[in-house]
């Protein structure tokens, strides 16, 4: 259902109606899903970026 709200031109009230829910509840769930996905990305990508940025090949390129 949350994926439905992320589709281009999706309208939260229409998605909520389709599932028999209130738009406010769908919006809250969507917000929570985005927070969690941002947190996961931060936990995974930032350490990887730090490793890559400190790699000798990249460090030499910046010098």
PDB file of N, CA and C in Angstrom:
ATOM      1  N   UNK A   1       0.825  -1.183   0.000  1.00  0.00           N
ATOM      2  CA  UNK A   1       0.000   0.000   0.000  1.00  0.00           C
ATOM      3  C   UNK A   1       0.874   1.254   0.000  1.00  0.00           C
ATOM      4  N   UNK A   2       1.926   1.284   0.811  1.00  0.00           N
ATOM      5  CA  UNK A   2       2.805   2.451   0.835  1.00  0.00           C
ATOM      6  C   UNK A   2       3.438   2.655  -0.536  1.00  0.00           C
ATOM      7  N   UNK A   3       3.803   1.569  -1.192  1.00  0.00           N
ATOM      8  CA  UNK A   3       4.380   1.669  -2.532  1.00  0.00           C
ATOM      9  C   UNK A   3       3.400   2.360  -3.490  1.00  0.00           C
ATOM     10  N   UNK A   4       2.112   2.133  -3.290  1.00  0.00           N
ATOM     11  CA  UNK A   4       1.109   2.788  -4.137  1.00  0.00           C
ATOM     12  C   UNK A   4       1.192   4.310  -4.011  1.00  0.00           C
ATOM     13  N   UNK A   5       1.512   4.807  -2.816  1.00  0.00           N
ATOM     14  CA  UNK A   5       1.579   6.257  -2.604  1.00  0.00           C
ATOM     15  C   UNK A   5       2.831   6.864  -3.219  1.00  0.00           C
ATOM     16  N   UNK A   6       3.809   6.039  -3.541  1.00  0.00           N
ATOM     17  CA  UNK A   6       5.058   6.527  -4.113  1.00  0.00           C
ATOM     18  C   UNK A   6       5.043   6.545  -5.638  1.00  0.00           C
ATOM     19  N   UNK A   7       3.987   6.010  -6.226  1.00  0.00           N
ATOM     20  CA  UNK A   7       3.861   6.017  -7.685  1.00  0.00           C
ATOM     21  C   UNK A   7       3.706   7.462  -8.184  1.00  0.00           C
ATOM     22  N   UNK A   8       4.216   7.733  -9.396  1.00  0.00           N
ATOM     23  CA  UNK A   8       4.046   9.087  -9.943  1.00  0.00           C
ATOM     24  C   UNK A   8       2.565   9.477  -9.991  1.00  0.00           C
ATOM     25  N   UNK A   9       2.293  10.680  -9.612  1.00  0.00           N
ATOM     26  CA  UNK A   9       0.931  11.254  -9.618  1.00  0.00           C
ATOM     27  C   UNK A   9      -0.033  10.570  -8.655  1.00  0.00           C
ATOM     28  N   UNK A  10       0.480   9.804  -7.706  1.00  0.00           N
ATOM     29  CA  UNK A  10      -0.401   9.157  -6.722  1.00  0.00           C
ATOM     30  C   UNK A  10      -0.995  10.212  -5.792  1.00  0.00           C
ATOM     31  N   UNK A  11      -2.233  10.015  -5.431  1.00  0.00           N
ATOM     32  CA  UNK A  11      -2.928  10.909  -4.496  1.00  0.00           C
ATOM     33  C   UNK A  11      -3.249  10.089  -3.264  1.00  0.00           C
ATOM     34  N   UNK A  12      -2.718  10.551  -2.127  1.00  0.00           N
ATOM     35  CA  UNK A  12      -2.829   9.778  -0.889  1.00  0.00           C
ATOM     36  C   UNK A  12      -4.282   9.495  -0.533  1.00  0.00           C
ATOM     37  N   UNK A  13      -5.157  10.469  -0.714  1.00  0.00           N
ATOM     38  CA  UNK A  13      -6.562  10.241  -0.345  1.00  0.00           C
ATOM     39  C   UNK A  13      -7.191   9.133  -1.207  1.00  0.00           C
ATOM     40  N   UNK A  14      -6.783   9.044  -2.471  1.00  0.00           N
ATOM     41  CA  UNK A  14      -7.311   7.979  -3.329  1.00  0.00           C
ATOM     42  C   UNK A  14      -6.776   6.611  -2.913  1.00  0.00           C
ATOM     43  N   UNK A  15      -5.500   6.575  -2.575  1.00  0.00           N
ATOM     44  CA  UNK A  15      -4.905   5.312  -2.110  1.00  0.00           C
ATOM     45  C   UNK A  15      -5.583   4.887  -0.813  1.00  0.00           C
ATOM     46  N   UNK A  16      -5.781   5.817   0.098  1.00  0.00           N
ATOM     47  CA  UNK A  16      -6.430   5.511   1.374  1.00  0.00           C
ATOM     48  C   UNK A  16      -7.846   4.972   1.142  1.00  0.00           C
ATOM     49  N   UNK A  17      -8.574   5.600   0.268  1.00  0.00           N
ATOM     50  CA  UNK A  17      -9.944   5.169  -0.030  1.00  0.00           C
ATOM     51  C   UNK A  17      -9.948   3.742  -0.588  1.00  0.00           C
ATOM     52  N   UNK A  18      -8.983   3.453  -1.450  1.00  0.00           N
ATOM     53  CA  UNK A  18      -8.885   2.119  -2.066  1.00  0.00           C
ATOM     54  C   UNK A  18      -8.724   1.031  -1.002  1.00  0.00           C
ATOM     55  N   UNK A  19      -8.009   1.367   0.085  1.00  0.00           N
ATOM     56  CA  UNK A  19      -7.761   0.386   1.148  1.00  0.00           C
ATOM     57  C   UNK A  19      -8.697   0.563   2.342  1.00  0.00           C
ATOM     58  N   UNK A  20      -9.626   1.482   2.251  1.00  0.00           N
ATOM     59  CA  UNK A  20     -10.580   1.691   3.336  1.00  0.00           C
ATOM     60  C   UNK A  20      -9.950   2.335   4.569  1.00  0.00           C
ATOM     61  N   UNK A  21      -8.969   3.198   4.339  1.00  0.00           N
ATOM     62  CA  UNK A  21      -8.263   3.856   5.439  1.00  0.00           C
ATOM     63  C   UNK A  21      -8.436   5.360   5.351  1.00  0.00           C
ATOM     64  N   UNK A  22      -8.024   6.030   6.412  1.00  0.00           N
ATOM     65  CA  UNK A  22      -8.052   7.492   6.425  1.00  0.00           C
ATOM     66  C   UNK A  22      -6.739   8.025   5.838  1.00  0.00           C
ATOM     67  N   UNK A  23      -6.814   9.093   5.047  1.00  0.00           N
ATOM     68  CA  UNK A  23      -5.599   9.655   4.450  1.00  0.00           C
ATOM     69  C   UNK A  23      -4.524  10.015   5.481  1.00  0.00           C
ATOM     70  N   UNK A  24      -4.949  10.500   6.627  1.00  0.00           N
ATOM     71  CA  UNK A  24      -3.995  10.880   7.663  1.00  0.00           C
ATOM     72  C   UNK A  24      -3.171   9.673   8.117  1.00  0.00           C
ATOM     73  N   UNK A  25      -3.809   8.508   8.238  1.00  0.00           N
ATOM     74  CA  UNK A  25      -3.104   7.297   8.663  1.00  0.00           C
ATOM     75  C   UNK A  25      -2.116   6.849   7.581  1.00  0.00           C
ATOM     76  N   UNK A  26      -2.558   6.889   6.336  1.00  0.00           N
ATOM     77  CA  UNK A  26      -1.676   6.502   5.232  1.00  0.00           C
ATOM     78  C   UNK A  26      -0.475   7.442   5.171  1.00  0.00           C
ATOM     79  N   UNK A  27      -0.708   8.737   5.355  1.00  0.00           N
ATOM     80  CA  UNK A  27       0.390   9.708   5.354  1.00  0.00           C
ATOM     81  C   UNK A  27       1.378   9.423   6.468  1.00  0.00           C
ATOM     82  N   UNK A  28       0.874   9.073   7.647  1.00  0.00           N
ATOM     83  CA  UNK A  28       1.758   8.766   8.778  1.00  0.00           C
ATOM     84  C   UNK A  28       2.590   7.523   8.486  1.00  0.00           C
ATOM     85  N   UNK A  29       1.976   6.507   7.939  1.00  0.00           N
ATOM     86  CA  UNK A  29       2.719   5.290   7.595  1.00  0.00           C
ATOM     87  C   UNK A  29       3.765   5.571   6.521  1.00  0.00           C
ATOM     88  N   UNK A  30       3.404   6.409   5.565  1.00  0.00           N
ATOM     89  CA  UNK A  30       4.338   6.764   4.497  1.00  0.00           C
ATOM     90  C   UNK A  30       5.542   7.512   5.070  1.00  0.00           C
ATOM     91  N   UNK A  31       5.270   8.447   5.977  1.00  0.00           N
ATOM     92  CA  UNK A  31       6.350   9.200   6.633  1.00  0.00           C
ATOM     93  C   UNK A  31       7.283   8.261   7.379  1.00  0.00           C
ATOM     94  N   UNK A  32       6.704   7.331   8.136  1.00  0.00           N
ATOM     95  CA  UNK A  32       7.508   6.356   8.893  1.00  0.00           C
ATOM     96  C   UNK A  32       8.349   5.492   7.960  1.00  0.00           C
ATOM     97  N   UNK A  33       7.763   5.067   6.863  1.00  0.00           N
ATOM     98  CA  UNK A  33       8.499   4.234   5.901  1.00  0.00           C
ATOM     99  C   UNK A  33       9.674   5.004   5.317  1.00  0.00           C
ATOM    100  N   UNK A  34       9.466   6.272   5.023  1.00  0.00           N
ATOM    101  CA  UNK A  34      10.558   7.092   4.482  1.00  0.00           C
ATOM    102  C   UNK A  34      11.662   7.301   5.509  1.00  0.00           C
ATOM    103  N   UNK A  35      11.281   7.519   6.767  1.00  0.00           N
ATOM    104  CA  UNK A  35      12.293   7.679   7.829  1.00  0.00           C
ATOM    105  C   UNK A  35      13.129   6.418   7.956  1.00  0.00           C
ATOM    106  N   UNK A  36      12.461   5.276   7.957  1.00  0.00           N
ATOM    107  CA  UNK A  36      13.178   4.009   8.101  1.00  0.00           C
ATOM    108  C   UNK A  36      14.091   3.753   6.914  1.00  0.00           C
ATOM    109  N   UNK A  37      13.623   4.042   5.708  1.00  0.00           N
ATOM    110  CA  UNK A  37      14.465   3.804   4.536  1.00  0.00           C
ATOM    111  C   UNK A  37      15.652   4.758   4.532  1.00  0.00           C
ATOM    112  N   UNK A  38      15.455   5.991   4.968  1.00  0.00           N
ATOM    113  CA  UNK A  38      16.571   6.935   5.048  1.00  0.00           C
ATOM    114  C   UNK A  38      17.585   6.460   6.075  1.00  0.00           C
ATOM    115  N   UNK A  39      17.098   5.929   7.175  1.00  0.00           N
ATOM    116  CA  UNK A  39      17.987   5.423   8.221  1.00  0.00           C
ATOM    117  C   UNK A  39      18.794   4.233   7.723  1.00  0.00           C
ATOM    118  N   UNK A  40      18.149   3.344   6.997  1.00  0.00           N
ATOM    119  CA  UNK A  40      18.838   2.171   6.448  1.00  0.00           C
ATOM    120  C   UNK A  40      19.899   2.617   5.452  1.00  0.00           C
ATOM    121  N   UNK A  41      19.544   3.549   4.581  1.00  0.00           N
ATOM    122  CA  UNK A  41      20.514   4.047   3.610  1.00  0.00           C
ATOM    123  C   UNK A  41      21.710   4.684   4.308  1.00  0.00           C
ATOM    124  N   UNK A  42      21.437   5.451   5.350  1.00  0.00           N
ATOM    125  CA  UNK A  42      22.517   6.094   6.084  1.00  0.00           C
ATOM    126  C   UNK A  42      23.408   5.051   6.739  1.00  0.00           C
ATOM    127  N   UNK A  43      22.824   4.026   7.310  1.00  0.00           N
ATOM    128  CA  UNK A  43      23.598   2.981   7.980  1.00  0.00           C
ATOM    129  C   UNK A  43      24.444   2.172   7.002  1.00  0.00           C
ATOM    130  N   UNK A  44      23.972   2.031   5.769  1.00  0.00           N
ATOM    131  CA  UNK A  44      24.676   1.212   4.784  1.00  0.00           C
ATOM    132  C   UNK A  44      25.616   2.054   3.925  1.00  0.00           C
ATOM    133  N   UNK A  45      25.122   3.164   3.397  1.00  0.00           N
ATOM    134  CA  UNK A  45      25.896   3.923   2.421  1.00  0.00           C
ATOM    135  C   UNK A  45      27.006   4.768   3.024  1.00  0.00           C
ATOM    136  N   UNK A  46      26.766   5.403   4.150  1.00  0.00           N
ATOM    137  CA  UNK A  46      27.799   6.272   4.709  1.00  0.00           C
ATOM    138  C   UNK A  46      29.086   5.530   5.046  1.00  0.00           C
ATOM    139  N   UNK A  47      29.017   4.387   5.722  1.00  0.00           N
ATOM    140  CA  UNK A  47      30.271   3.671   5.974  1.00  0.00           C
ATOM    141  C   UNK A  47      30.973   3.252   4.678  1.00  0.00           C
ATOM    142  N   UNK A  48      30.201   2.866   3.673  1.00  0.00           N
ATOM    143  CA  UNK A  48      30.790   2.479   2.395  1.00  0.00           C
ATOM    144  C   UNK A  48      31.470   3.670   1.736  1.00  0.00           C
ATOM    145  N   UNK A  49      30.820   4.823   1.777  1.00  0.00           N
ATOM    146  CA  UNK A  49      31.402   6.027   1.186  1.00  0.00           C
ATOM    147  C   UNK A  49      32.684   6.420   1.908  1.00  0.00           C
ATOM    148  N   UNK A  50      32.677   6.304   3.214  1.00  0.00           N
ATOM    149  CA  UNK A  50      33.888   6.633   3.975  1.00  0.00           C
ATOM    150  C   UNK A  50      35.040   5.721   3.583  1.00  0.00           C
ATOM    151  N   UNK A  51      34.739   4.437   3.422  1.00  0.00           N
ATOM    152  CA  UNK A  51      35.778   3.498   3.008  1.00  0.00           C
ATOM    153  C   UNK A  51      36.314   3.854   1.628  1.00  0.00           C
ATOM    154  N   UNK A  52      35.416   4.143   0.708  1.00  0.00           N
ATOM    155  CA  UNK A  52      35.846   4.476  -0.648  1.00  0.00           C
ATOM    156  C   UNK A  52      36.616   5.788  -0.694  1.00  0.00           C
ATOM    157  N   UNK A  53      36.141   6.782   0.044  1.00  0.00           N
ATOM    158  CA  UNK A  53      36.795   8.088   0.020  1.00  0.00           C
ATOM    159  C   UNK A  53      38.190   8.032   0.630  1.00  0.00           C
ATOM    160  N   UNK A  54      38.391   7.137   1.558  1.00  0.00           N
ATOM    161  CA  UNK A  54      39.695   7.008   2.196  1.00  0.00           C
ATOM    162  C   UNK A  54      40.598   6.001   1.489  1.00  0.00           C
ATOM    163  N   UNK A  55      40.092   5.389   0.438  1.00  0.00           N
ATOM    164  CA  UNK A  55      40.875   4.420  -0.319  1.00  0.00           C
ATOM    165  C   UNK A  55      42.047   5.159  -0.987  1.00  0.00           C
ATOM    166  N   UNK A  56      43.232   4.567  -1.007  1.00  0.00           N
ATOM    167  CA  UNK A  56      44.406   5.252  -1.578  1.00  0.00           C
ATOM    168  C   UNK A  56      44.202   5.771  -3.002  1.00  0.00           C
ATOM    169  N   UNK A  57      43.451   5.072  -3.813  1.00  0.00           N
ATOM    170  CA  UNK A  57      43.237   5.527  -5.196  1.00  0.00           C
ATOM    171  C   UNK A  57      42.500   6.862  -5.202  1.00  0.00           C
ATOM    172  N   UNK A  58      41.460   6.998  -4.372  1.00  0.00           N
ATOM    173  CA  UNK A  58      40.690   8.241  -4.330  1.00  0.00           C
ATOM    174  C   UNK A  58      41.465   9.337  -3.611  1.00  0.00           C
ATOM    175  N   UNK A  59      42.188   8.973  -2.577  1.00  0.00           N
ATOM    176  CA  UNK A  59      42.965   9.966  -1.839  1.00  0.00           C
ATOM    177  C   UNK A  59      44.022  10.587  -2.756  1.00  0.00           C
ATOM    178  N   UNK A  60      44.656   9.765  -3.617  1.00  0.00           N
ATOM    179  CA  UNK A  60      45.659  10.271  -4.544  1.00  0.00           C
ATOM    180  C   UNK A  60      45.033  11.196  -5.584  1.00  0.00           C
ATOM    181  N   UNK A  61      43.817  10.904  -5.980  1.00  0.00           N
ATOM    182  CA  UNK A  61      43.126  11.732  -6.973  1.00  0.00           C
ATOM    183  C   UNK A  61      42.825  13.112  -6.426  1.00  0.00           C
ATOM    184  N   UNK A  62      42.574  13.211  -5.124  1.00  0.00           N
ATOM    185  CA  UNK A  62      42.270  14.496  -4.499  1.00  0.00           C
ATOM    186  C   UNK A  62      43.515  15.336  -4.259  1.00  0.00           C
ATOM    187  N   UNK A  63      44.664  14.705  -4.215  1.00  0.00           N
ATOM    188  CA  UNK A  63      45.898  15.409  -3.885  1.00  0.00           C
ATOM    189  C   UNK A  63      46.363  16.305  -5.003  1.00  0.00           C
TER     190      UNK A  63
END
